[in-house]
N, C-alpha and C. Protein backbone atom coordinates (compact mmCIF):
# COMPACT_ATOMS: atom_id res chain seq x y z
N UNK A 1 65.68 60.03 24.84
CA UNK A 1 64.80 59.20 23.94
C UNK A 1 63.68 58.99 23.66
N UNK A 2 62.59 59.72 22.71
CA UNK A 2 61.63 59.41 22.62
C UNK A 2 61.39 57.78 22.56
N UNK A 3 59.73 57.56 22.92
CA UNK A 3 59.48 56.49 22.41
C UNK A 3 60.02 55.94 20.94
N UNK A 4 59.68 56.53 20.04
CA UNK A 4 59.88 56.55 18.65
C UNK A 4 61.16 56.02 18.51
N UNK A 5 61.99 56.62 18.46
CA UNK A 5 63.96 56.31 18.95
C UNK A 5 64.23 54.74 20.28
N UNK A 6 63.38 54.81 20.92
CA UNK A 6 63.48 53.88 21.94
C UNK A 6 62.89 52.30 21.36
N UNK A 7 61.77 52.31 20.21
CA UNK A 7 61.15 51.04 19.78
C UNK A 7 62.08 50.93 18.56
N UNK A 8 62.84 51.80 18.18
CA UNK A 8 63.97 51.49 16.54
C UNK A 8 64.80 51.32 17.18
N UNK A 9 65.30 51.77 17.88
CA UNK A 9 66.65 50.99 19.04
C UNK A 9 66.48 49.12 18.98
N UNK A 10 65.25 49.36 19.89
CA UNK A 10 64.64 48.13 20.26
C UNK A 10 64.96 46.99 19.45
N UNK A 11 64.16 47.30 17.53
CA UNK A 11 64.43 46.82 16.42
C UNK A 11 65.95 46.47 16.15
N UNK A 12 66.16 47.54 15.80
CA UNK A 12 67.94 47.53 15.58
C UNK A 12 68.80 46.39 16.27
N UNK A 13 68.18 46.13 17.49
CA UNK A 13 68.98 45.81 18.19
C UNK A 13 68.72 44.12 17.96
N UNK A 14 67.48 44.05 18.39
CA UNK A 14 66.82 42.60 17.89
C UNK A 14 66.73 41.87 16.71
N UNK A 15 67.22 42.84 15.60
CA UNK A 15 68.11 42.36 14.47
C UNK A 15 69.37 41.94 14.29
N UNK A 16 70.33 43.02 15.13
CA UNK A 16 72.10 42.37 15.24
C UNK A 16 71.70 41.09 15.87
N UNK A 17 70.89 40.35 17.09
CA UNK A 17 70.53 39.65 17.62
C UNK A 17 70.14 37.98 16.21
N UNK A 18 69.35 39.23 15.67
CA UNK A 18 69.17 37.81 14.79
C UNK A 18 70.10 37.53 13.28
N UNK A 19 70.66 38.60 13.54
CA UNK A 19 71.49 38.19 12.32
C UNK A 19 72.72 37.15 12.92
N UNK A 20 73.12 37.97 14.19
CA UNK A 20 74.47 36.84 14.91
C UNK A 20 73.58 35.38 14.82
N UNK A 21 72.26 34.95 14.71
CA UNK A 21 72.17 33.78 14.72
C UNK A 21 71.91 33.30 16.29
N UNK A 22 71.90 34.52 17.44
CA UNK A 22 71.66 34.03 18.72
C UNK A 22 70.26 34.18 19.41
N UNK A 23 69.48 34.94 18.46
CA UNK A 23 68.54 35.58 18.99
C UNK A 23 67.52 34.00 19.35
N UNK A 24 66.59 34.03 20.35
CA UNK A 24 65.84 32.70 20.67
C UNK A 24 64.42 32.79 20.91
N UNK A 25 64.26 33.90 21.84
CA UNK A 25 62.49 34.51 21.72
C UNK A 25 62.33 35.53 22.90
N UNK A 26 61.37 36.21 22.72
CA UNK A 26 61.26 37.10 23.54
C UNK A 26 60.29 36.87 24.72
N UNK A 27 60.37 36.88 25.86
CA UNK A 27 60.03 36.22 27.39
C UNK A 27 59.06 37.39 27.77
N UNK A 28 58.07 36.66 28.42
CA UNK A 28 56.62 37.87 28.66
C UNK A 28 57.14 38.46 29.99
N UNK A 29 57.12 39.77 30.51
CA UNK A 29 58.08 39.91 31.56
C UNK A 29 57.43 41.58 31.79
N UNK A 30 56.75 41.55 33.24
CA UNK A 30 55.87 42.26 33.31
C UNK A 30 56.68 43.70 33.83
N UNK A 31 58.37 43.36 34.37
CA UNK A 31 59.02 44.20 34.84
C UNK A 31 60.39 44.86 33.32
N UNK A 32 59.30 44.51 32.50
CA UNK A 32 60.72 45.31 31.51
C UNK A 32 60.11 45.91 30.29
N UNK A 33 59.95 46.36 29.45
CA UNK A 33 58.93 46.57 28.11
C UNK A 33 59.91 45.62 27.10
N UNK A 34 61.35 45.03 26.92
CA UNK A 34 60.86 43.63 26.20
C UNK A 34 62.42 42.88 27.18
N UNK A 35 62.02 41.53 26.50
CA UNK A 35 62.91 40.88 27.57
C UNK A 35 63.40 39.77 26.53
N UNK A 36 64.33 39.82 25.73
CA UNK A 36 64.49 38.59 24.67
C UNK A 36 65.61 37.61 25.37
N UNK A 37 65.56 36.52 25.17
CA UNK A 37 66.11 35.49 25.32
C UNK A 37 67.50 34.90 24.23
N UNK A 38 68.68 35.04 24.46
CA UNK A 38 69.46 34.78 23.83
C UNK A 38 70.22 33.12 23.79
N UNK A 39 71.26 32.61 22.89
CA UNK A 39 72.00 31.80 23.46
C UNK A 39 73.34 32.54 22.56
N UNK A 40 74.32 32.24 23.66
CA UNK A 40 75.37 32.82 23.81
C UNK A 40 76.70 32.02 23.72
N UNK A 41 77.59 31.57 23.34
CA UNK A 41 77.43 31.56 21.52
C UNK A 41 76.58 30.84 20.65
N UNK A 42 76.40 30.97 19.70
CA UNK A 42 75.38 30.54 18.76
C UNK A 42 75.44 29.02 19.11
N UNK A 43 74.86 28.22 19.46
CA UNK A 43 74.61 26.37 19.38
C UNK A 43 75.82 25.91 21.07
N UNK A 44 75.49 27.22 21.41
CA UNK A 44 76.34 26.42 23.08
C UNK A 44 75.63 26.12 23.93
N UNK A 45 73.73 26.42 24.19
CA UNK A 45 72.72 26.07 24.84
C UNK A 45 72.98 26.83 26.13
N UNK A 46 73.90 28.23 25.89
CA UNK A 46 74.36 28.77 26.89
C UNK A 46 73.43 30.09 27.27
N UNK A 47 72.49 30.31 27.49
CA UNK A 47 71.64 31.14 27.60
C UNK A 47 71.51 32.29 28.27
N UNK A 48 71.45 33.84 27.60
CA UNK A 48 71.43 34.83 28.68
C UNK A 48 70.32 35.33 27.84
N UNK A 49 70.12 36.87 28.90
CA UNK A 49 69.09 37.41 28.67
C UNK A 49 69.02 38.69 28.11
N UNK A 50 68.66 39.70 27.32
CA UNK A 50 68.61 41.00 27.00
C UNK A 50 67.65 41.58 27.30
N UNK A 51 67.46 42.25 28.76
CA UNK A 51 66.31 42.99 29.34
C UNK A 51 66.55 44.99 28.76
N UNK A 52 65.00 45.57 28.54
CA UNK A 52 64.68 46.30 28.63
C UNK A 52 64.13 47.33 29.71
N UNK A 53 64.58 47.22 30.81
CA UNK A 53 63.96 47.35 32.07
C UNK A 53 62.24 48.48 32.47
N UNK A 54 62.15 48.40 32.74
CA UNK A 54 60.83 49.72 33.00
C UNK A 54 61.44 50.09 33.93
N UNK A 55 60.77 51.83 34.66
CA UNK A 55 60.13 52.27 33.80
C UNK A 55 61.46 53.04 32.32
N UNK A 56 62.77 51.95 32.71
CA UNK A 56 63.27 53.02 32.17
C UNK A 56 63.82 52.55 30.77
N UNK A 57 63.93 53.77 29.85
CA UNK A 57 64.42 53.71 28.24
C UNK A 57 65.53 54.23 27.83
N UNK A 58 66.60 54.10 29.04
CA UNK A 58 67.30 54.33 28.67
C UNK A 58 68.82 53.64 28.49
N UNK A 59 68.38 52.28 28.68
CA UNK A 59 69.39 51.28 29.12
C UNK A 59 68.77 50.06 29.08
N UNK A 60 69.95 49.15 28.63
CA UNK A 60 69.50 47.87 28.92
C UNK A 60 70.33 47.26 29.63
N UNK A 61 70.22 45.78 29.84
CA UNK A 61 70.72 44.35 30.80
C UNK A 61 70.85 43.50 29.81
N UNK A 62 72.20 43.51 30.73
CA UNK A 62 72.70 41.87 29.55
C UNK A 62 73.43 41.10 30.98
N UNK A 63 71.76 39.55 30.92
CA UNK A 63 72.32 38.86 32.26
C UNK A 63 72.51 37.63 31.80
N UNK A 64 73.51 37.42 32.67
CA UNK A 64 74.02 35.36 32.22
C UNK A 64 74.44 35.27 33.30
N UNK A 65 74.97 33.80 33.17
CA UNK A 65 75.38 33.46 34.57
C UNK A 65 76.40 32.18 34.65
N UNK A 66 76.93 31.53 35.26
CA UNK A 66 77.98 30.64 35.65
C UNK A 66 77.30 29.43 36.42
N UNK A 67 77.04 28.45 36.56
CA UNK A 67 76.30 27.70 37.55
C UNK A 67 77.29 26.51 37.72
N UNK A 68 77.52 26.54 39.50
CA UNK A 68 78.88 25.42 39.42
C UNK A 68 78.24 23.78 39.52
N UNK A 69 79.21 23.24 38.87
CA UNK A 69 78.69 21.82 38.77
C UNK A 69 78.37 20.98 40.31
N UNK A 70 78.03 19.65 40.27
CA UNK A 70 77.96 18.97 41.37
C UNK A 70 79.23 18.46 42.06
N UNK A 71 80.10 18.25 40.64
CA UNK A 71 81.31 18.01 41.18
C UNK A 71 82.22 19.09 41.33
N UNK A 72 82.03 20.14 41.23
CA UNK A 72 82.53 21.40 41.61
C UNK A 72 82.35 22.00 42.68
N UNK A 73 81.22 21.70 43.48
CA UNK A 73 80.65 22.23 44.39
C UNK A 73 80.84 21.17 45.36
N UNK A 74 81.16 19.98 45.33
CA UNK A 74 81.88 18.87 46.31
C UNK A 74 83.20 19.46 46.70
N UNK A 75 84.11 19.57 45.70
CA UNK A 75 85.43 20.15 45.75
C UNK A 75 85.43 21.29 46.62
N UNK A 76 84.41 22.41 46.31
CA UNK A 76 84.88 23.36 46.69
C UNK A 76 84.43 23.43 48.35
N UNK A 77 83.40 22.45 48.33
CA UNK A 77 83.18 22.02 50.25
C UNK A 77 84.10 21.26 50.86
N UNK A 78 84.89 20.22 50.18
CA UNK A 78 85.52 19.86 50.62
C UNK A 78 86.94 20.40 51.48
N UNK A 79 87.01 21.67 50.55
CA UNK A 79 88.39 22.62 51.04
C UNK A 79 88.30 22.40 52.83
N UNK A 80 89.86 22.80 53.01
CA UNK A 80 89.86 23.73 54.39
C UNK A 80 88.98 24.43 54.15
N UNK A 81 88.22 25.01 55.74
CA UNK A 81 88.01 26.51 56.14
C UNK A 81 88.58 27.77 55.43
N UNK A 82 90.30 27.61 55.49
CA UNK A 82 90.47 28.61 55.25
C UNK A 82 91.34 29.00 53.75
N UNK A 83 91.07 27.60 52.91
CA UNK A 83 91.82 27.70 52.00
C UNK A 83 90.30 28.20 50.82
N UNK A 84 89.12 27.29 51.56
CA UNK A 84 87.89 28.17 50.55
C UNK A 84 87.67 29.08 50.89
N UNK A 85 87.71 29.74 51.91
CA UNK A 85 87.71 31.25 52.26
C UNK A 85 88.69 32.24 51.68
N UNK A 86 90.17 31.70 50.90
CA UNK A 86 91.24 32.46 50.55
C UNK A 86 90.43 32.80 48.77
N UNK A 87 89.77 31.10 48.62
CA UNK A 87 89.90 30.87 46.59
C UNK A 87 88.35 31.85 46.67
N UNK A 88 87.71 31.93 46.85
CA UNK A 88 86.41 32.92 47.22
C UNK A 88 86.54 34.49 47.20
N UNK A 89 87.83 34.52 48.25
CA UNK A 89 87.97 35.92 48.20
C UNK A 89 88.29 36.25 47.14
N UNK A 90 89.48 35.17 46.47
CA UNK A 90 90.22 35.70 45.46
C UNK A 90 89.19 35.62 44.16
N UNK A 91 88.09 34.94 43.92
CA UNK A 91 87.48 35.00 42.71
C UNK A 91 86.55 36.40 43.36
N UNK A 92 86.14 37.02 44.09
CA UNK A 92 85.07 37.87 44.27
C UNK A 92 86.04 39.27 43.90
N UNK A 93 87.37 39.58 44.23
CA UNK A 93 88.34 40.70 44.02
C UNK A 93 88.76 40.65 42.70
N UNK A 94 88.70 39.43 41.71
CA UNK A 94 89.03 39.19 40.50
C UNK A 94 88.17 39.96 39.52
N UNK A 95 86.40 39.32 40.16
CA UNK A 95 85.39 39.76 39.72
C UNK A 95 85.12 41.34 39.46
N UNK A 96 85.92 41.95 40.51
CA UNK A 96 85.40 43.09 41.27
C UNK A 96 86.11 44.24 40.23
N UNK A 97 87.38 43.45 39.16
CA UNK A 97 87.89 44.76 38.56
C UNK A 97 87.48 44.38 36.47
N UNK A 98 86.47 43.75 37.02
CA UNK A 98 85.49 43.31 35.59
C UNK A 98 84.52 44.18 35.00
N UNK A 99 83.81 44.30 34.09
CA UNK A 99 83.42 45.61 33.47
C UNK A 99 81.68 45.29 33.83
N UNK A 100 81.21 43.58 34.02
CA UNK A 100 80.29 43.21 34.58
C UNK A 100 79.78 43.61 36.12
N UNK A 101 78.02 43.80 36.28
CA UNK A 101 78.36 43.65 38.30
C UNK A 101 78.31 41.97 38.11
N UNK A 102 78.27 40.94 39.49
CA UNK A 102 77.66 40.22 39.67
C UNK A 102 77.10 39.94 40.71
N UNK A 103 77.25 38.86 41.32
CA UNK A 103 76.11 37.83 42.39
C UNK A 103 76.41 36.74 42.41
N UNK A 104 77.24 36.45 43.46
CA UNK A 104 76.80 35.15 44.15
C UNK A 104 76.00 34.61 44.91
N UNK A 105 75.16 33.19 44.26
CA UNK A 105 73.94 33.10 44.53
C UNK A 105 73.73 31.55 45.19
N UNK A 106 73.61 31.13 46.27
CA UNK A 106 72.83 32.09 46.94
C UNK A 106 73.68 33.18 47.92
N UNK A 107 74.50 32.94 48.37
CA UNK A 107 75.46 33.83 49.02
C UNK A 107 77.19 33.68 48.74
N UNK A 108 77.55 34.64 49.14
CA UNK A 108 79.23 34.66 48.51
C UNK A 108 79.80 33.34 49.09
N UNK A 109 79.01 32.95 50.36
CA UNK A 109 80.19 32.02 51.08
C UNK A 109 79.62 30.43 50.77
N UNK A 110 78.66 30.73 49.96
CA UNK A 110 78.36 29.34 49.49
C UNK A 110 77.62 29.05 48.56
N UNK A 111 78.11 29.72 47.50
CA UNK A 111 77.84 29.82 46.04
C UNK A 111 77.22 28.80 45.37
N UNK A 112 75.91 28.63 44.29
CA UNK A 112 75.93 27.58 43.50
C UNK A 112 75.59 28.20 42.00
N UNK A 113 75.56 29.77 42.22
CA UNK A 113 75.97 30.00 40.91
C UNK A 113 76.58 31.78 41.04
N UNK A 114 76.71 32.26 39.52
CA UNK A 114 77.20 33.55 40.03
C UNK A 114 76.64 34.16 38.70
N UNK A 115 75.81 34.81 38.86
CA UNK A 115 75.02 35.34 37.79
C UNK A 115 75.78 37.19 37.74
N UNK A 116 75.88 37.71 36.02
CA UNK A 116 76.67 38.54 35.96
C UNK A 116 75.52 39.53 35.07
N UNK A 117 75.51 40.98 35.28
CA UNK A 117 75.03 41.69 34.56
C UNK A 117 75.93 43.13 34.29
N UNK A 118 75.29 43.29 33.21
CA UNK A 118 76.41 44.60 32.13
C UNK A 118 75.02 45.26 31.89
N UNK A 119 74.83 46.61 32.66
CA UNK A 119 73.65 47.55 31.64
C UNK A 119 74.67 48.19 31.05
N UNK A 120 74.38 49.14 29.26
CA UNK A 120 74.41 49.48 28.71
C UNK A 120 73.66 50.76 28.31
N UNK A 121 73.66 51.83 28.22
CA UNK A 121 73.24 52.75 27.95
C UNK A 121 72.81 52.96 26.38
N UNK A 122 71.47 53.24 26.23
CA UNK A 122 71.40 52.85 24.72
C UNK A 122 71.45 54.14 24.07
N UNK A 123 72.01 55.09 24.82
CA UNK A 123 72.46 56.08 23.45
C UNK A 123 73.63 56.16 23.35
N UNK A 124 74.38 55.62 23.67
CA UNK A 124 75.54 54.91 22.58
C UNK A 124 75.67 53.34 22.29
N UNK A 125 74.71 52.81 22.01
CA UNK A 125 74.80 51.39 21.67
C UNK A 125 74.83 51.19 20.60
N UNK A 126 75.99 50.19 20.32
CA UNK A 126 76.39 49.72 18.49
C UNK A 126 76.34 48.32 18.74
N UNK A 127 76.49 47.48 17.87
CA UNK A 127 76.63 46.04 17.83
C UNK A 127 77.93 45.63 18.61
N UNK A 128 79.20 46.27 18.53
CA UNK A 128 80.33 46.10 18.73
C UNK A 128 80.15 45.88 20.63
N UNK A 129 79.76 47.09 20.93
CA UNK A 129 79.71 47.46 21.80
C UNK A 129 78.54 46.18 22.71
N UNK A 130 77.60 45.71 21.96
CA UNK A 130 76.50 45.33 22.72
C UNK A 130 77.07 43.48 22.71
N UNK A 131 78.01 43.31 21.73
CA UNK A 131 78.64 42.02 21.64
C UNK A 131 79.89 41.44 22.59
N UNK A 132 80.45 42.78 22.60
CA UNK A 132 81.26 42.52 23.98
C UNK A 132 80.48 42.24 24.99
N UNK A 133 79.97 43.13 25.41
CA UNK A 133 78.91 42.54 26.76
C UNK A 133 78.54 41.21 27.00
């Protein structure tokens, strides 16, 4: 993909985000050509990122996450070690079969947040694929 094609693809994607009412801002990011912050779904206060990483010009990364509430962390930590281990194993196993990659932060055994990452290749990008991601 040429730089001109890349820039046109970025403009098209930003247009889709704006048309859907989910584009919020462009974030300065020295590790990315572009980094957009979106609110998805619109009006939800749930922020996600769309990153065009350097030095690549052939993919975008859709980044989102879920944070455990203090109440849910407390309940999780109140489980017996066996129950907690089984629950966390089942969660990781279920997430392995999703299209997004995931990371449990700070660790799989004591997570507070799950970060989801979905790379998309720009040569096949369309609005439907991006919105599904």
